Amino acid sequence: MEWLIWIGTGLTLIGLSLLAYCIFAAIFAKRAGRPEAELRVKLQRIVVINMGALLLSALGLMSVVIGIFLT
């Protein structure tokens, strides 16, 4: 089940990189000085990506743990 560990590691790394993207995108959006309505729309889109990244990271970590238990 070594392949499950590697797949889980890949999913986790993709999720973590998306989380880093969300952090930087939110910082840049706030610094841009946009009107509040436009900023709210941008941040709502970032929150959706953030939730997906958290789900992807959690699934990856679960895959790693299951792969370790089965090895």
C-alpha atoms as a PDB file:
ATOM      1  CA  MET A   1       0.000   0.000   0.000  1.00  0.00           C
ATOM      2  CA  GLU A   2       2.952   2.257  -0.514  1.00  0.00           C
ATOM      3  CA  TRP A   3       1.196   3.837  -3.498  1.00  0.00           C
ATOM      4  CA  LEU A   4      -1.594   5.036  -1.188  1.00  0.00           C
ATOM      5  CA  ILE A   5       0.961   6.874   0.938  1.00  0.00           C
ATOM      6  CA  TRP A   6       2.439   8.614  -2.108  1.00  0.00           C
ATOM      7  CA  ILE A   7      -0.962   9.556  -3.511  1.00  0.00           C
ATOM      8  CA  GLY A   8      -1.965  10.942  -0.107  1.00  0.00           C
ATOM      9  CA  THR A   9       1.268  12.896   0.118  1.00  0.00           C
ATOM     10  CA  GLY A  10       0.625  14.418  -3.297  1.00  0.00           C
ATOM     11  CA  LEU A  11      -2.933  15.375  -2.390  1.00  0.00           C
ATOM     12  CA  THR A  12      -1.748  16.931   0.855  1.00  0.00           C
ATOM     13  CA  LEU A  13       0.936  18.966  -0.898  1.00  0.00           C
ATOM     14  CA  ILE A  14      -1.542  20.214  -3.497  1.00  0.00           C
ATOM     15  CA  GLY A  15      -3.959  21.187  -0.713  1.00  0.00           C
ATOM     16  CA  LEU A  16      -1.246  23.009   1.213  1.00  0.00           C
ATOM     17  CA  SER A  17      -0.134  24.915  -1.867  1.00  0.00           C
ATOM     18  CA  LEU A  18      -3.750  25.964  -2.489  1.00  0.00           C
ATOM     19  CA  LEU A  19      -3.971  27.138   1.124  1.00  0.00           C
ATOM     20  CA  ALA A  20      -0.858  29.253   0.606  1.00  0.00           C
ATOM     21  CA  TYR A  21      -2.431  30.660  -2.563  1.00  0.00           C
ATOM     22  CA  CYS A  22      -5.555  31.599  -0.587  1.00  0.00           C
ATOM     23  CA  ILE A  23      -3.499  33.385   2.045  1.00  0.00           C
ATOM     24  CA  PHE A  24      -1.586  35.455  -0.482  1.00  0.00           C
ATOM     25  CA  ALA A  25      -4.660  36.130  -2.625  1.00  0.00           C
ATOM     26  CA  ALA A  26      -6.548  37.461   0.406  1.00  0.00           C
ATOM     27  CA  ILE A  27      -3.630  39.674   1.424  1.00  0.00           C
ATOM     28  CA  PHE A  28      -3.268  41.105  -2.084  1.00  0.00           C
ATOM     29  CA  ALA A  29      -7.036  41.612  -2.418  1.00  0.00           C
ATOM     30  CA  LYS A  30      -7.185  43.581   0.831  1.00  0.00           C
ATOM     31  CA  ARG A  31      -4.179  45.697  -0.113  1.00  0.00           C
ATOM     32  CA  ALA A  32      -5.587  46.524  -3.556  1.00  0.00           C
ATOM     33  CA  GLY A  33      -7.977  49.087  -2.090  1.00  0.00           C
ATOM     34  CA  ARG A  34     -11.035  47.845  -3.939  1.00  0.00           C
ATOM     35  CA  PRO A  35     -14.553  48.922  -3.031  1.00  0.00           C
ATOM     36  CA  GLU A  36     -16.141  46.823  -0.306  1.00  0.00           C
ATOM     37  CA  ALA A  37     -18.642  45.059  -2.567  1.00  0.00           C
ATOM     38  CA  GLU A  38     -15.927  44.012  -5.001  1.00  0.00           C
ATOM     39  CA  LEU A  39     -13.646  42.948  -2.149  1.00  0.00           C
ATOM     40  CA  ARG A  40     -16.449  40.860  -0.642  1.00  0.00           C
ATOM     41  CA  VAL A  41     -17.004  39.007  -3.929  1.00  0.00           C
ATOM     42  CA  LYS A  42     -13.276  38.324  -4.269  1.00  0.00           C
ATOM     43  CA  LEU A  43     -12.974  37.076  -0.690  1.00  0.00           C
ATOM     44  CA  GLN A  44     -16.030  34.821  -1.072  1.00  0.00           C
ATOM     45  CA  ARG A  45     -14.364  33.177  -4.057  1.00  0.00           C
ATOM     46  CA  ILE A  46     -11.174  32.741  -2.022  1.00  0.00           C
ATOM     47  CA  VAL A  47     -13.150  31.138   0.810  1.00  0.00           C
ATOM     48  CA  VAL A  48     -14.592  28.547  -1.587  1.00  0.00           C
ATOM     49  CA  ILE A  49     -11.101  27.672  -2.816  1.00  0.00           C
ATOM     50  CA  ASN A  50      -9.916  27.568   0.797  1.00  0.00           C
ATOM     51  CA  MET A  51     -12.604  25.048   1.784  1.00  0.00           C
ATOM     52  CA  GLY A  52     -11.713  22.861  -1.191  1.00  0.00           C
ATOM     53  CA  ALA A  53      -8.026  23.025  -0.263  1.00  0.00           C
ATOM     54  CA  LEU A  54      -8.810  22.008   3.314  1.00  0.00           C
ATOM     55  CA  LEU A  55     -10.863  19.068   2.062  1.00  0.00           C
ATOM     56  CA  LEU A  56      -8.084  17.993  -0.302  1.00  0.00           C
ATOM     57  CA  SER A  57      -5.484  18.199   2.476  1.00  0.00           C
ATOM     58  CA  ALA A  58      -7.663  16.223   4.874  1.00  0.00           C
ATOM     59  CA  LEU A  59      -8.306  13.507   2.280  1.00  0.00           C
ATOM     60  CA  GLY A  60      -4.589  13.319   1.558  1.00  0.00           C
ATOM     61  CA  LEU A  61      -3.697  12.979   5.218  1.00  0.00           C
ATOM     62  CA  MET A  62      -6.347  10.291   5.679  1.00  0.00           C
ATOM     63  CA  SER A  63      -4.890   8.407   2.716  1.00  0.00           C
ATOM     64  CA  VAL A  64      -1.420   8.586   4.237  1.00  0.00           C
ATOM     65  CA  VAL A  65      -2.634   7.283   7.595  1.00  0.00           C
ATOM     66  CA  ILE A  66      -4.633   4.448   5.994  1.00  0.00           C
ATOM     67  CA  GLY A  67      -1.637   3.565   3.833  1.00  0.00           C
ATOM     68  CA  ILE A  68       0.611   3.423   6.896  1.00  0.00           C
ATOM     69  CA  PHE A  69      -1.844   1.196   8.764  1.00  0.00           C
ATOM     70  CA  LEU A  70      -2.144  -1.184   5.809  1.00  0.00           C
ATOM     71  CA  THR A  71       1.604  -1.429   5.225  1.00  0.00           C
END
